[in-house]
Every structure is written in structure tokens, then in C-alpha cells.
């Protein structure tokens, strides 16, 4: 990657180096520093890069990590702060944004450090006061956040995911815990699987267990209504989002904003209610048709449990070249909640789609409520054709992704667009 500056450019790739350019040496690329030197590059670290890019060190960085909820929690903080009149940047799964303007398309959950520094440079020019970023377990292990000073950190939850990368759940847990060893402000979900963290400057939040930010009462039948107690004060969460998992996301977001900027609580309540959610996360794309990104056992459980009062037709698959052990677990959970289950392909990548489907099927007994359709578009069409009365069709796994990756090729595919096309053709 190349970032242009007045007297040349900065790169983190030794192959791009030329005489007098700057090479940002990181944990990931330090073995290539001698090669960069040979080409005449000046070696710099993150601190020096901050100076070269004239980054405002007063920008407060908020990091969110956890198995699920990172994107929605980050989006909620961004939306709430903007509504309260603050200038903000956002980085994560959906790309990067500054003050409601999209800057880069979707990419890694947590970008390489040079890309983060470039966004901080742009955020400085736009006079941003905050950068909200999702922090993945991969990024923590690979130290893609090195040199960044965080003002606040949030832990959402911890369930099985990415064991193909980490090797074990304990390694995965330790990666998450490594984020919470410092003394910056921290917000820890007391109802989630316990992690180790530095208690200094930490705030707990929860519904079931005693916590500093605690839900006193809530209702989830159609949308979300809840009373949050902290210290001797209360505020309301009223939201069009659905599901208890979104209540946790909104609770974490509002607690973080409240501690950071101490807003008028009525203004905070209004800003919370204005947040309309994230595209591809429990998104109603047509009448009684929902698209969601859930691709882990815990994610699927949360989505389907939130819709349990409806008869559900569930379409899902599993990504190729990823943790195979979660496939049968996802099937078991989906079958528990679904009246009809359609198992299909997701992003098979280098694997054979039917091999993935067979792994999924190993978790359940196949009966007349289970259908197999390898072609994802045909699977969605079947679900829409089977739908009766007020049944809900729930399409899981890809959310707002706009491609399907097969044998190294990304083919255009978006669940929402496919639904709308099928419904239009059926008229």
C-alpha cells in the first residue's frame, strides 16, 4: 500500500520501495526491512508515521472486539456521536467512513496499520474527534493495531469462531484478552463468557448479572424498549432493532458514549433511537424476509432466537476454508428454530460445496423439513416459494456481501438483490 506525502510516499510493501521513500516497519513486515533499505528507503515506525502524516494525536480511538456484535456496536457509537454533534470516522467490516461519507469499500475487519493511519490522516483534515474501529482476533495476533493508543475498548462476547486460525478456543480467548491489559477505559459484558482484563478504568454492562450499566427492565416483542440504570441515574433505549443481542450492542454503545462525552441524557436517548441498524444485519429486505450476516453457532442462535415467535424458513450454508467444526453446530441450532430448513452454499472458496453441505448435515437428522439446494439463488427462490401466510424467510451467512467466492473467483451476488429480483420476476 502507498500513501502519498509532500516529499514522496510511505509504503508497507518492500516491493514498492524506491530511493528516498519511507518504509513503515511493522511486526508483520519487519523481515522485509533490509530489502527496503537496499532500495534506498528510509525505515520508520508508527510514531514517525504519525508525524509524517500530521495526524492529530487528540483523536480518540474506540476499539470493539468480540465474536459477534462488533459491526453493529461500532455503527451505533458512530451514529450516536454524529447525532450528538461530534465529527467521527469509522473503520470495520463495511469499509471506512468519515462524517457519513464512505471513504473505502469493504475489506478486512481490521485493516493493516498503514491503512488505519491514512484514515486517521484524513480524519485529521476533517477535524474528527473520534475514530471507532472493529478489532478482530486475527488483527490482535498479527499486531495490526501496533502503535495505536485507544481511549476506550469494548468487549461484546466470546463464542466459537476462527478456530481454523487460532487452533483452539483457549488461543482465541487469549487473543481477545490481550486487548484488555492496558489502563484505558474498558466496557466489559458481564453476561458473556468471562475473560481476563485490567480492572482499572473498567465499566461492566449487562442484563442478567450485576453490572454498572444495568438493564432494569426491557421489552423485545416487536422492537426494543429498555431502562438502563447507572449509578443513581437512568436513561431509555428505544430502538427499531430487534433481539436481545441488539439490546446488548446498544447498551455497550450507549454506555461508552455516555462515559466519553457525558451528554444530556435526553439527547442521548434521541440519538440512540435514531440509529436504524446496519445493512445486512437483521435487515428486512422485503415483507417478512430478513437477511443477516450470522455465520457462527452463536450468531445464528441469537438471530433465530430473536425471531422465535414466528414460523421460520431458514436458508444457510457455511464458508469454505474456514473452521469446519462449527458446521454441524450451526445446523443443529438452525434446525431447532426452523420450521423449514434449506441448506445451501455460502462462499465455498476452494472447497467443494457438497462437501461443506455434508459437514453441515452431519449435525442433524434429515427429515421432510430439510431441503438441500447447492445453488444459493435457487435455494432463496425455493424459500420464497414455500413461504405461506405470515411465515418469515431468514437468509443467513452473507449479510450485505456483494459476491460469492468460488474457486478463487468472486462472482457478483447479494442476498438482498437476489430476493428483490426473484420477487419482481414472480409478479
Protein backbone atom coordinates (compact mmCIF):
# COMPACT_ATOMS: atom_id res chain seq x y z
CA UNK A 1 0.00 0.00 0.00
CA UNK A 2 1.23 3.51 -0.84
CA UNK A 3 0.28 6.72 1.00
CA UNK A 4 1.46 9.90 -0.74
CA UNK A 5 3.00 12.76 1.22
CA UNK A 6 4.56 16.05 0.15
CA UNK A 7 8.12 14.76 -0.30
CA UNK A 8 7.33 11.30 -1.64
CA UNK A 9 5.36 8.39 -0.25
CA UNK A 10 5.07 5.88 2.59
CA UNK A 11 4.67 2.15 1.92
CA UNK A 12 4.47 -1.03 3.98
CA UNK A 13 5.49 -3.19 0.99
CA UNK A 14 9.23 -3.51 0.28
CA UNK A 15 8.46 -4.33 -3.38
CA UNK A 16 7.07 -0.80 -3.77
CA UNK A 17 10.15 0.88 -2.28
CA UNK A 18 12.22 3.41 -4.22
CA UNK A 19 15.07 5.78 -3.37
CA UNK A 20 14.14 8.21 -0.57
CA UNK A 21 10.64 6.76 0.05
CA UNK A 22 9.56 5.76 3.57
CA UNK A 23 9.07 2.13 4.61
CA UNK A 24 6.74 1.66 7.59
CA UNK A 25 8.24 -1.22 9.54
CA UNK A 26 5.67 -3.29 11.47
CA UNK A 27 5.53 -6.63 13.27
CA UNK A 28 4.14 -8.15 10.09
CA UNK A 29 6.75 -6.87 7.62
CA UNK A 30 9.92 -6.29 9.64
CA UNK A 31 11.76 -9.18 7.91
CA UNK A 32 11.49 -7.18 4.66
CA UNK A 33 13.12 -4.05 6.14
CA UNK A 34 16.65 -4.99 4.88
CA UNK A 35 15.23 -5.27 1.35
CA UNK A 36 13.59 -1.85 1.70
CA UNK A 37 16.90 -0.39 2.91
CA UNK A 38 18.75 -1.82 -0.08
CA UNK A 39 16.34 0.05 -2.36
CA UNK A 40 17.13 3.32 -0.59
CA UNK A 41 14.03 3.57 1.63
CA UNK A 42 14.04 5.33 4.98
CA UNK A 43 12.77 2.98 7.70
CA UNK A 44 10.13 4.49 10.02
CA UNK A 45 7.90 3.22 12.84
CA UNK A 46 4.25 4.03 13.61
CA UNK A 47 5.17 7.02 15.81
CA UNK A 48 7.23 8.59 13.00
CA UNK A 49 4.44 7.82 10.53
CA UNK A 50 2.03 9.77 12.76
CA UNK A 51 4.35 12.80 12.41
CA UNK A 52 4.82 12.46 8.63
CA UNK A 53 1.04 12.25 8.10
CA UNK A 54 0.36 15.15 10.51
CA UNK A 55 -2.15 13.04 12.44
CA UNK A 56 -3.96 14.79 15.29
CA UNK A 57 -2.97 12.82 18.41
CA UNK A 58 -6.09 14.08 20.18
CA UNK A 59 -8.40 11.92 18.04
CA UNK A 60 -9.92 9.45 20.49
CA UNK A 61 -9.80 5.87 19.21
CA UNK A 62 -12.53 3.44 20.32
CA UNK A 63 -11.93 -0.26 19.64
CA UNK A 64 -14.57 -3.01 19.71
CA UNK A 65 -13.74 -6.72 19.82
CA UNK A 66 -15.75 -9.91 20.38
CA UNK A 67 -17.10 -12.81 18.35
CA UNK A 68 -20.36 -11.09 17.42
CA UNK A 69 -21.74 -7.56 17.60
CA UNK A 70 -18.61 -5.61 16.59
CA UNK A 71 -20.11 -4.08 13.44
CA UNK A 72 -23.45 -3.08 14.97
CA UNK A 73 -21.86 -1.72 18.17
CA UNK A 74 -19.30 0.29 16.19
CA UNK A 75 -22.02 1.59 13.86
CA UNK A 76 -24.20 2.57 16.82
CA UNK A 77 -21.40 4.53 18.53
CA UNK A 78 -20.61 6.30 15.24
CA UNK A 79 -24.29 7.16 14.64
CA UNK A 80 -24.89 8.33 18.22
CA UNK A 81 -21.79 10.54 18.30
CA UNK A 82 -22.65 12.09 14.92
CA UNK A 83 -26.18 12.82 16.15
CA UNK A 84 -24.73 14.46 19.27
CA UNK A 85 -22.75 16.81 17.02
CA UNK A 86 -19.29 15.21 17.05
CA UNK A 87 -17.19 14.62 13.93
CA UNK A 88 -16.23 10.94 13.61
CA UNK A 89 -14.51 8.32 11.50
CA UNK A 90 -15.44 4.63 11.38
CA UNK A 91 -13.46 1.58 10.23
CA UNK A 92 -14.57 -2.03 10.01
CA UNK A 93 -16.12 -4.85 8.03
CA UNK A 94 -18.25 -2.45 5.98
CA UNK A 95 -15.32 -0.23 4.96
CA UNK A 96 -14.33 3.18 6.30
CA UNK A 97 -16.40 6.34 6.73
CA UNK A 98 -15.83 9.94 7.76
CA UNK A 99 -18.79 12.08 8.85
CA UNK A 100 -21.33 9.96 6.94
CA UNK A 101 -19.23 9.82 3.77
CA UNK A 102 -17.90 6.41 2.63
CA UNK A 103 -14.13 6.52 2.10
CA UNK A 104 -13.12 2.93 1.30
CA UNK A 105 -15.10 -0.21 0.36
CA UNK A 106 -15.44 -3.37 2.44
CA UNK A 107 -12.26 -5.19 3.34
CA UNK A 108 -10.71 -6.81 6.39
CA UNK A 109 -12.48 -6.28 9.71
CA UNK A 110 -9.28 -4.58 10.90
CA UNK A 111 -7.09 -3.05 8.20
CA UNK A 112 -3.28 -3.07 8.06
CA UNK A 113 -1.86 -0.32 10.27
CA UNK A 114 -0.81 1.93 7.35
CA UNK A 115 -4.41 1.99 6.07
CA UNK A 116 -5.61 2.93 9.57
CA UNK A 117 -3.02 5.71 9.74
CA UNK A 118 -4.11 7.00 6.33
CA UNK A 119 -7.71 7.20 7.59
CA UNK A 120 -6.53 9.00 10.73
CA UNK A 121 -4.74 11.50 8.47
CA UNK A 122 -7.95 12.10 6.50
CA UNK A 123 -9.91 12.29 9.77
CA UNK A 124 -7.47 14.96 10.98
CA UNK A 125 -8.14 17.08 7.88
CA UNK A 126 -11.89 16.71 8.54
CA UNK A 127 -11.37 17.73 12.18
CA UNK A 128 -12.70 14.44 13.56
CA UNK A 129 -12.70 13.95 17.32
CA UNK A 130 -13.24 10.17 17.28
CA UNK A 131 -12.26 7.06 15.31
CA UNK A 132 -14.37 3.98 16.01
CA UNK A 133 -12.86 0.71 14.79
CA UNK A 134 -13.61 -3.00 14.85
CA UNK A 135 -10.70 -5.08 16.15
CA UNK A 136 -10.57 -8.74 15.07
CA UNK A 137 -8.78 -11.59 16.83
CA UNK A 138 -6.64 -12.05 13.69
CA UNK A 139 -5.54 -8.40 13.95
CA UNK A 140 -4.67 -8.82 17.63
CA UNK A 141 -2.47 -11.86 16.95
CA UNK A 142 -0.84 -10.16 13.94
CA UNK A 143 -0.49 -6.86 15.86
CA UNK A 144 -2.27 -4.84 13.17
CA UNK A 145 -3.09 -2.19 15.80
CA UNK A 146 0.50 -1.61 16.94
CA UNK A 147 1.33 1.92 17.99
CA UNK A 148 -2.33 2.97 18.36
CA UNK A 149 -3.44 4.46 21.68
CA UNK A 150 -7.05 3.68 22.49
CA UNK A 151 -9.29 5.92 24.54
CA UNK A 152 -11.90 3.18 25.06
CA UNK A 153 -12.28 -0.54 24.37
CA UNK A 154 -15.39 -2.74 24.31
CA UNK A 155 -15.75 -6.49 24.79
CA UNK A 156 -19.02 -7.78 23.28
CA UNK A 157 -18.94 -11.58 23.76
CA UNK A 158 -16.88 -14.72 23.17
CA UNK A 159 -18.12 -17.87 21.42
CA UNK A 160 -16.60 -20.36 18.97
CA UNK A 161 -15.18 -18.90 15.76
CA UNK A 162 -11.90 -18.77 13.79
CA UNK A 163 -10.52 -21.97 15.32
CA UNK A 164 -9.00 -22.70 11.90
CA UNK A 165 -6.70 -19.72 12.52
CA UNK A 166 -6.20 -19.87 16.30
CA UNK A 167 -6.01 -23.65 16.69
CA UNK A 168 -8.01 -23.77 19.91
CA UNK A 169 -10.69 -21.86 21.78
CA UNK A 170 -8.18 -21.04 24.52
CA UNK A 171 -5.84 -19.40 21.97
CA UNK A 172 -8.80 -17.46 20.56
CA UNK A 173 -9.77 -16.32 24.06
CA UNK A 174 -6.19 -15.25 24.86
CA UNK A 175 -6.09 -13.19 21.65
CA UNK A 176 -9.18 -11.27 22.80
CA UNK A 177 -7.83 -10.89 26.34
CA UNK A 178 -4.59 -9.36 25.04
CA UNK A 179 -6.62 -6.30 24.00
CA UNK A 180 -7.68 -5.51 27.58
CA UNK A 181 -4.40 -5.43 29.50
CA UNK A 182 -3.88 -1.65 29.48
CA UNK A 183 -5.42 1.09 31.64
CA UNK A 184 -7.65 2.80 29.07
CA UNK A 185 -11.44 2.95 29.54
CA UNK A 186 -12.97 -0.53 29.08
CA UNK A 187 -16.55 -1.80 28.77
CA UNK A 188 -16.97 -5.48 29.60
CA UNK A 189 -20.09 -7.59 29.00
CA UNK A 190 -20.75 -9.26 32.38
CA UNK A 191 -23.22 -11.75 30.85
CA UNK A 192 -20.73 -13.09 28.29
CA UNK A 193 -18.14 -15.83 28.69
CA UNK A 194 -15.65 -14.42 31.20
CA UNK A 195 -12.31 -13.03 30.04
CA UNK A 196 -9.32 -11.64 31.95
CA UNK A 197 -8.96 -7.85 31.82
CA UNK A 198 -7.27 -4.99 33.64
CA UNK A 199 -9.93 -3.75 36.08
CA UNK A 200 -8.54 -0.20 36.14
CA UNK A 201 -10.94 2.20 34.36
CA UNK A 202 -13.30 -0.67 33.50
CA UNK A 203 -17.10 -0.49 33.39
CA UNK A 204 -19.33 -3.55 33.30
CA UNK A 205 -22.60 -3.77 31.40
CA UNK A 206 -25.26 -6.45 31.39
CA UNK A 207 -28.82 -7.66 31.79
CA UNK A 208 -28.64 -10.89 33.82
CA UNK A 209 -25.67 -10.23 36.13
CA UNK A 210 -25.00 -7.24 38.41
CA UNK A 211 -23.20 -4.57 36.40
CA UNK A 212 -22.53 -0.83 36.44
CA UNK A 213 -24.63 -0.20 33.33
CA UNK A 214 -27.56 -2.49 34.04
CA UNK A 215 -30.85 -3.11 32.25
CA UNK A 216 -33.57 -2.72 34.90
CA UNK A 217 -36.47 -3.67 32.60
CA UNK A 218 -36.95 -4.39 28.92
CA UNK A 219 -39.44 -5.49 26.26
CA UNK A 220 -38.49 -7.11 22.94
CA UNK A 221 -41.76 -8.23 21.36
CA UNK A 222 -41.55 -6.07 18.23
CA UNK A 223 -38.67 -3.66 18.73
CA UNK A 224 -36.51 -2.76 21.74
CA UNK A 225 -37.55 -0.82 24.83
CA UNK A 226 -35.33 -0.83 27.90
CA UNK A 227 -34.45 1.15 31.03
CA UNK A 228 -30.73 1.48 31.73
CA UNK A 229 -29.54 2.22 35.26
CA UNK A 230 -26.04 3.52 36.05
CA UNK A 231 -25.10 4.93 39.44
CA UNK A 232 -28.11 6.96 40.56
CA UNK A 233 -29.31 7.76 37.04
CA UNK A 234 -31.39 6.12 34.31
CA UNK A 235 -31.90 6.50 30.57
CA UNK A 236 -34.10 4.77 28.00
CA UNK A 237 -33.14 2.68 24.99
CA UNK A 238 -35.91 2.76 22.39
CA UNK A 239 -34.95 1.23 19.05
CA UNK A 240 -36.46 -0.22 15.88
CA UNK A 241 -33.85 -3.01 16.03
CA UNK A 242 -34.92 -6.47 17.23
CA UNK A 243 -33.48 -9.12 19.51
CA UNK A 244 -31.75 -9.27 22.86
CA UNK A 245 -28.31 -9.34 21.17
CA UNK A 246 -29.04 -5.90 19.71
CA UNK A 247 -30.03 -4.70 23.17
CA UNK A 248 -26.52 -5.71 24.32
CA UNK A 249 -24.99 -3.89 21.33
CA UNK A 250 -26.97 -0.71 22.07
CA UNK A 251 -26.20 -0.95 25.79
CA UNK A 252 -22.44 -1.21 25.12
CA UNK A 253 -22.57 1.66 22.61
CA UNK A 254 -24.61 3.99 24.82
CA UNK A 255 -22.51 3.23 27.92
CA UNK A 256 -19.32 4.03 26.00
CA UNK A 257 -20.69 7.29 24.58
CA UNK A 258 -22.07 8.32 27.98
CA UNK A 259 -18.72 7.88 29.71
CA UNK A 260 -16.73 9.53 26.92
CA UNK A 261 -18.76 12.70 26.36
CA UNK A 262 -21.23 12.87 29.30
CA UNK A 263 -24.13 14.05 27.10
CA UNK A 264 -27.51 15.34 28.18
CA UNK A 265 -29.40 12.06 28.73
CA UNK A 266 -32.48 13.17 26.76
CA UNK A 267 -30.23 13.94 23.78
CA UNK A 268 -28.52 10.56 24.24
CA UNK A 269 -31.91 8.79 24.21
CA UNK A 270 -32.91 10.56 20.99
CA UNK A 271 -29.57 9.71 19.33
CA UNK A 272 -29.95 6.02 20.30
CA UNK A 273 -33.46 5.87 18.82
CA UNK A 274 -32.23 7.46 15.57
CA UNK A 275 -29.82 4.57 14.87
CA UNK A 276 -31.52 2.41 12.24
CA UNK A 277 -29.14 -0.54 12.27
CA UNK A 278 -26.56 -1.91 9.82
CA UNK A 279 -27.18 -3.12 6.29
CA UNK A 280 -27.11 -6.93 6.21
CA UNK A 281 -27.62 -7.25 9.97
CA UNK A 282 -31.21 -8.37 10.71
CA UNK A 283 -32.18 -6.35 7.66
CA UNK A 284 -35.78 -6.57 6.46
CA UNK A 285 -35.28 -6.64 2.67
CA UNK A 286 -38.90 -7.45 1.74
CA UNK A 287 -42.10 -8.18 3.65
CA UNK A 288 -41.25 -10.92 6.18
CA UNK A 289 -37.86 -11.60 4.53
CA UNK A 290 -34.73 -10.99 6.62
CA UNK A 291 -31.06 -11.08 5.60
CA UNK A 292 -28.35 -11.42 8.25
CA UNK A 293 -24.59 -11.92 8.37
CA UNK A 294 -24.75 -14.63 11.10
CA UNK A 295 -22.18 -17.30 10.26
CA UNK A 296 -21.31 -18.78 13.66
CA UNK A 297 -23.31 -21.05 16.00
CA UNK A 298 -23.75 -18.18 18.47
CA UNK A 299 -24.66 -15.67 15.74
CA UNK A 300 -27.32 -17.99 14.28
CA UNK A 301 -28.69 -18.73 17.76
CA UNK A 302 -29.06 -15.03 18.52
CA UNK A 303 -30.82 -14.18 15.23
CA UNK A 304 -33.24 -17.12 15.25
CA UNK A 305 -33.98 -16.82 18.96
CA UNK A 306 -34.96 -13.18 18.37
CA UNK A 307 -37.49 -14.39 15.75
CA UNK A 308 -38.64 -17.50 17.63
CA UNK A 309 -42.26 -16.31 17.88
CA UNK A 310 -42.58 -16.69 14.07
CA UNK A 311 -42.67 -19.74 11.81
CA UNK A 312 -39.26 -19.61 10.13
CA UNK A 313 -37.95 -20.81 6.77
CA UNK A 314 -34.17 -20.65 7.21
CA UNK A 315 -31.64 -20.60 4.37
CA UNK A 316 -27.97 -21.00 5.28
CA UNK A 317 -24.65 -22.55 4.34
CA UNK A 318 -21.07 -22.29 5.62
CA UNK A 319 -17.94 -20.68 4.24
CA UNK A 320 -15.23 -22.86 2.71
CA UNK A 321 -11.63 -22.92 4.01
CA UNK A 322 -12.86 -21.91 7.46
CA UNK A 323 -13.43 -23.66 10.81
CA UNK A 324 -15.17 -26.94 9.88
CA UNK A 325 -16.10 -27.85 13.45
CA UNK A 326 -18.79 -25.17 13.60
CA UNK A 327 -20.74 -26.50 10.60
CA UNK A 328 -22.72 -29.27 12.36
CA UNK A 329 -23.28 -26.96 15.36
CA UNK A 330 -24.83 -24.32 13.10
CA UNK A 331 -27.11 -26.98 11.58
CA UNK A 332 -28.29 -28.18 14.99
CA UNK A 333 -29.22 -24.66 16.08
CA UNK A 334 -30.89 -23.77 12.75
CA UNK A 335 -33.00 -26.94 12.79
CA UNK A 336 -34.09 -26.28 16.38
CA UNK A 337 -35.66 -22.95 15.39
CA UNK A 338 -36.68 -23.53 11.76
CA UNK A 339 -40.00 -24.92 10.58
CA UNK A 340 -38.28 -25.45 7.21
CA UNK A 341 -34.52 -25.58 6.67
CA UNK A 342 -32.83 -25.07 3.29
CA UNK A 343 -29.11 -25.86 3.30
CA UNK A 344 -27.16 -24.23 0.50
CA UNK A 345 -23.78 -22.83 -0.48
CA UNK A 346 -22.17 -19.74 1.03
CA UNK A 347 -18.64 -18.79 -0.10
CA UNK A 348 -17.23 -22.26 -0.84
CA UNK A 349 -13.84 -20.78 -1.80
CA UNK A 350 -11.55 -23.70 -2.70
CA UNK A 351 -13.79 -26.41 -1.21
CA UNK A 352 -16.48 -28.42 -2.99
CA UNK A 353 -19.91 -27.03 -2.00
CA UNK A 354 -21.39 -30.50 -1.43
CA UNK A 355 -18.54 -31.41 0.93
CA UNK A 356 -19.43 -28.37 3.04
CA UNK A 357 -23.13 -29.25 2.92
CA UNK A 358 -22.37 -32.81 4.05
CA UNK A 359 -20.41 -31.43 7.00
CA UNK A 360 -23.45 -29.31 7.90
CA UNK A 361 -25.82 -32.30 7.56
CA UNK A 362 -23.69 -34.35 9.95
CA UNK A 363 -25.12 -32.28 12.81
CA UNK A 364 -28.78 -33.11 12.20
CA UNK A 365 -31.19 -35.86 11.23
CA UNK A 366 -32.50 -35.22 7.75
CA UNK A 367 -36.31 -35.29 7.52
CA UNK A 368 -39.05 -33.76 5.40
CA UNK A 369 -38.38 -30.28 6.87
CA UNK A 370 -34.82 -30.23 5.48
CA UNK A 371 -34.06 -29.34 1.86
CA UNK A 372 -30.70 -29.26 0.07
CA UNK A 373 -30.09 -26.84 -2.81
CA UNK A 374 -26.46 -26.20 -3.70
CA UNK A 375 -27.26 -23.18 -5.91
CA UNK A 376 -27.77 -20.27 -3.47
CA UNK A 377 -30.08 -18.34 -5.80
CA UNK A 378 -32.28 -21.40 -6.31
CA UNK A 379 -32.29 -22.01 -2.54
CA UNK A 380 -33.53 -18.46 -1.90
CA UNK A 381 -36.16 -18.87 -4.63
CA UNK A 382 -37.35 -22.12 -3.05
CA UNK A 383 -37.67 -20.43 0.34
CA UNK A 384 -39.77 -17.62 -1.15
CA UNK A 385 -41.96 -20.15 -2.99
CA UNK A 386 -42.50 -22.22 0.18
CA UNK A 387 -43.42 -19.15 2.24
CA UNK A 388 -47.06 -19.05 3.39
CA UNK A 389 -49.16 -16.52 5.29
CA UNK A 390 -47.03 -14.76 7.92
CA UNK A 391 -44.00 -17.09 7.86
CA UNK A 392 -40.62 -15.41 7.90
CA UNK A 393 -37.82 -16.24 5.46
CA UNK A 394 -34.41 -15.79 7.14
CA UNK A 395 -31.33 -15.88 4.87
CA UNK A 396 -28.12 -16.25 6.86
CA UNK A 397 -24.38 -16.10 6.33
CA UNK A 398 -23.58 -13.32 3.86
CA UNK A 399 -25.43 -10.22 5.04
CA UNK A 400 -24.59 -7.33 2.73
CA UNK A 401 -21.72 -9.10 0.91
CA UNK A 402 -21.91 -8.43 -2.82
CA UNK A 403 -20.08 -11.53 -4.06
CA UNK A 404 -19.87 -15.31 -3.81
CA UNK A 405 -16.32 -16.68 -3.83
CA UNK A 406 -15.93 -19.92 -5.81
CA UNK A 407 -12.53 -21.42 -6.72
CA UNK A 408 -10.71 -18.12 -6.22
CA UNK A 409 -13.20 -16.08 -8.28
CA UNK A 410 -15.61 -13.56 -6.72
CA UNK A 411 -18.91 -13.71 -8.59
CA UNK A 412 -21.42 -10.85 -8.10
CA UNK A 413 -24.03 -12.00 -5.56
CA UNK A 414 -26.06 -10.10 -2.98
CA UNK A 415 -28.79 -11.83 -0.98
CA UNK A 416 -30.98 -8.71 -0.83
CA UNK A 417 -30.73 -8.08 -4.58
CA UNK A 418 -31.46 -11.74 -5.33
CA UNK A 419 -34.59 -11.63 -3.15
CA UNK A 420 -35.84 -8.45 -4.84
CA UNK A 421 -35.12 -9.85 -8.32
CA UNK A 422 -36.99 -13.11 -7.60
CA UNK A 423 -39.98 -11.25 -6.15
CA UNK A 424 -40.05 -8.90 -9.13
CA UNK A 425 -39.93 -11.82 -11.60
CA UNK A 426 -42.72 -13.56 -9.70
CA UNK A 427 -45.18 -10.69 -10.11
